[in-house]
């Protein structure tokens, strides 16, 4: 059970870091730096840093629905992570 919880936690964090990277690709910070900062700290810190940087001129949309798909996968993995944490705690309390 703890291995599955860890797996969903890591997957959720990675998907959300990719989403922050996609947001950063439309800004001066770029995809790589936004993604790296999100992995090193948290996706929330990476998102704040990406949103603080200046937007690129032109603002073209290259990713289409990929950002939505990555966000959805990230939220599903994080929901599974939280569910496994809660259920693991409930199982330990029952013992």
Protein backbone atom coordinates (compact mmCIF):
# COMPACT_ATOMS: atom_id res chain seq x y z
CA UNK A 1 0.00 0.00 0.00
CA UNK A 2 2.71 2.60 0.81
CA UNK A 3 4.44 1.90 -2.51
CA UNK A 4 1.24 2.61 -4.44
CA UNK A 5 0.70 5.82 -2.46
CA UNK A 6 4.23 6.95 -3.23
CA UNK A 7 3.79 6.11 -6.91
CA UNK A 8 0.61 8.19 -7.25
CA UNK A 9 2.20 11.06 -5.33
CA UNK A 10 5.22 11.14 -7.63
CA UNK A 11 3.10 10.80 -10.78
CA UNK A 12 0.77 13.59 -9.67
CA UNK A 13 3.69 15.89 -8.93
CA UNK A 14 5.33 15.12 -12.28
CA UNK A 15 2.14 15.73 -14.26
CA UNK A 16 1.55 19.03 -12.48
CA UNK A 17 5.19 20.01 -13.08
CA UNK A 18 4.71 19.38 -16.80
CA UNK A 19 1.61 21.58 -16.69
CA UNK A 20 3.62 24.37 -15.03
CA UNK A 21 6.25 23.89 -17.73
CA UNK A 22 3.59 24.33 -20.41
CA UNK A 23 2.46 27.54 -18.71
CA UNK A 24 6.11 28.67 -18.50
CA UNK A 25 6.66 28.00 -22.21
CA UNK A 26 4.48 31.01 -23.02
CA UNK A 27 6.64 33.21 -20.77
CA UNK A 28 10.27 34.37 -20.65
CA UNK A 29 11.20 31.64 -18.16
CA UNK A 30 10.55 28.91 -20.75
CA UNK A 31 9.39 25.32 -20.39
CA UNK A 32 12.65 23.89 -19.07
CA UNK A 33 13.22 26.28 -16.20
CA UNK A 34 9.58 26.26 -15.11
CA UNK A 35 9.54 22.45 -15.18
CA UNK A 36 12.85 22.15 -13.31
CA UNK A 37 11.81 24.62 -10.61
CA UNK A 38 8.51 22.75 -10.22
CA UNK A 39 10.32 19.46 -9.73
CA UNK A 40 12.90 20.89 -7.31
CA UNK A 41 10.42 22.76 -5.12
CA UNK A 42 6.70 22.14 -5.67
CA UNK A 43 4.40 22.73 -8.64
CA UNK A 44 2.84 25.62 -6.71
CA UNK A 45 6.19 27.42 -6.30
CA UNK A 46 7.02 26.77 -9.96
CA UNK A 47 3.63 28.15 -11.01
CA UNK A 48 4.14 31.34 -9.01
CA UNK A 49 7.61 31.85 -10.51
CA UNK A 50 6.33 31.14 -14.03
CA UNK A 51 3.43 33.57 -13.64
CA UNK A 52 5.70 36.30 -12.26
CA UNK A 53 7.97 36.17 -15.33
CA UNK A 54 7.10 38.34 -18.33
CA UNK A 55 4.86 36.88 -21.05
CA UNK A 56 6.30 36.40 -24.52
CA UNK A 57 5.15 38.78 -27.22
CA UNK A 58 2.72 37.23 -29.68
CA UNK A 59 1.17 34.80 -27.19
CA UNK A 60 0.54 32.00 -29.68
CA UNK A 61 -1.07 28.80 -28.43
CA UNK A 62 1.02 25.78 -29.45
CA UNK A 63 -0.11 23.11 -27.04
CA UNK A 64 -3.80 22.80 -27.88
CA UNK A 65 -5.60 20.40 -25.55
CA UNK A 66 -2.36 18.82 -24.27
CA UNK A 67 -2.31 21.16 -21.26
CA UNK A 68 -5.84 20.16 -20.30
CA UNK A 69 -5.00 16.46 -20.62
CA UNK A 70 -1.87 16.79 -18.47
CA UNK A 71 -3.79 18.78 -15.86
CA UNK A 72 -6.54 16.17 -15.77
CA UNK A 73 -4.04 13.31 -15.36
CA UNK A 74 -2.24 15.25 -12.63
CA UNK A 75 -5.43 15.88 -10.70
CA UNK A 76 -6.50 12.23 -11.03
CA UNK A 77 -3.13 11.05 -9.70
CA UNK A 78 -3.25 13.53 -6.82
CA UNK A 79 -6.80 12.48 -5.95
CA UNK A 80 -5.69 8.83 -5.91
CA UNK A 81 -2.70 9.83 -3.75
CA UNK A 82 -4.91 11.59 -1.20
CA UNK A 83 -7.42 8.71 -1.22
CA UNK A 84 -4.66 6.18 -0.58
CA UNK A 85 -3.26 8.31 2.24
CA UNK A 86 -6.66 8.58 3.89
CA UNK A 87 -7.47 4.91 3.43
CA UNK A 88 -4.05 3.90 4.74
CA UNK A 89 -4.64 6.01 7.83
CA UNK A 90 -8.10 4.49 8.28
CA UNK A 91 -6.67 0.98 8.01
CA UNK A 92 -4.01 1.76 10.60
CA UNK A 93 -6.60 3.26 12.96
CA UNK A 94 -8.77 0.14 12.62
CA UNK A 95 -5.89 -2.09 13.70
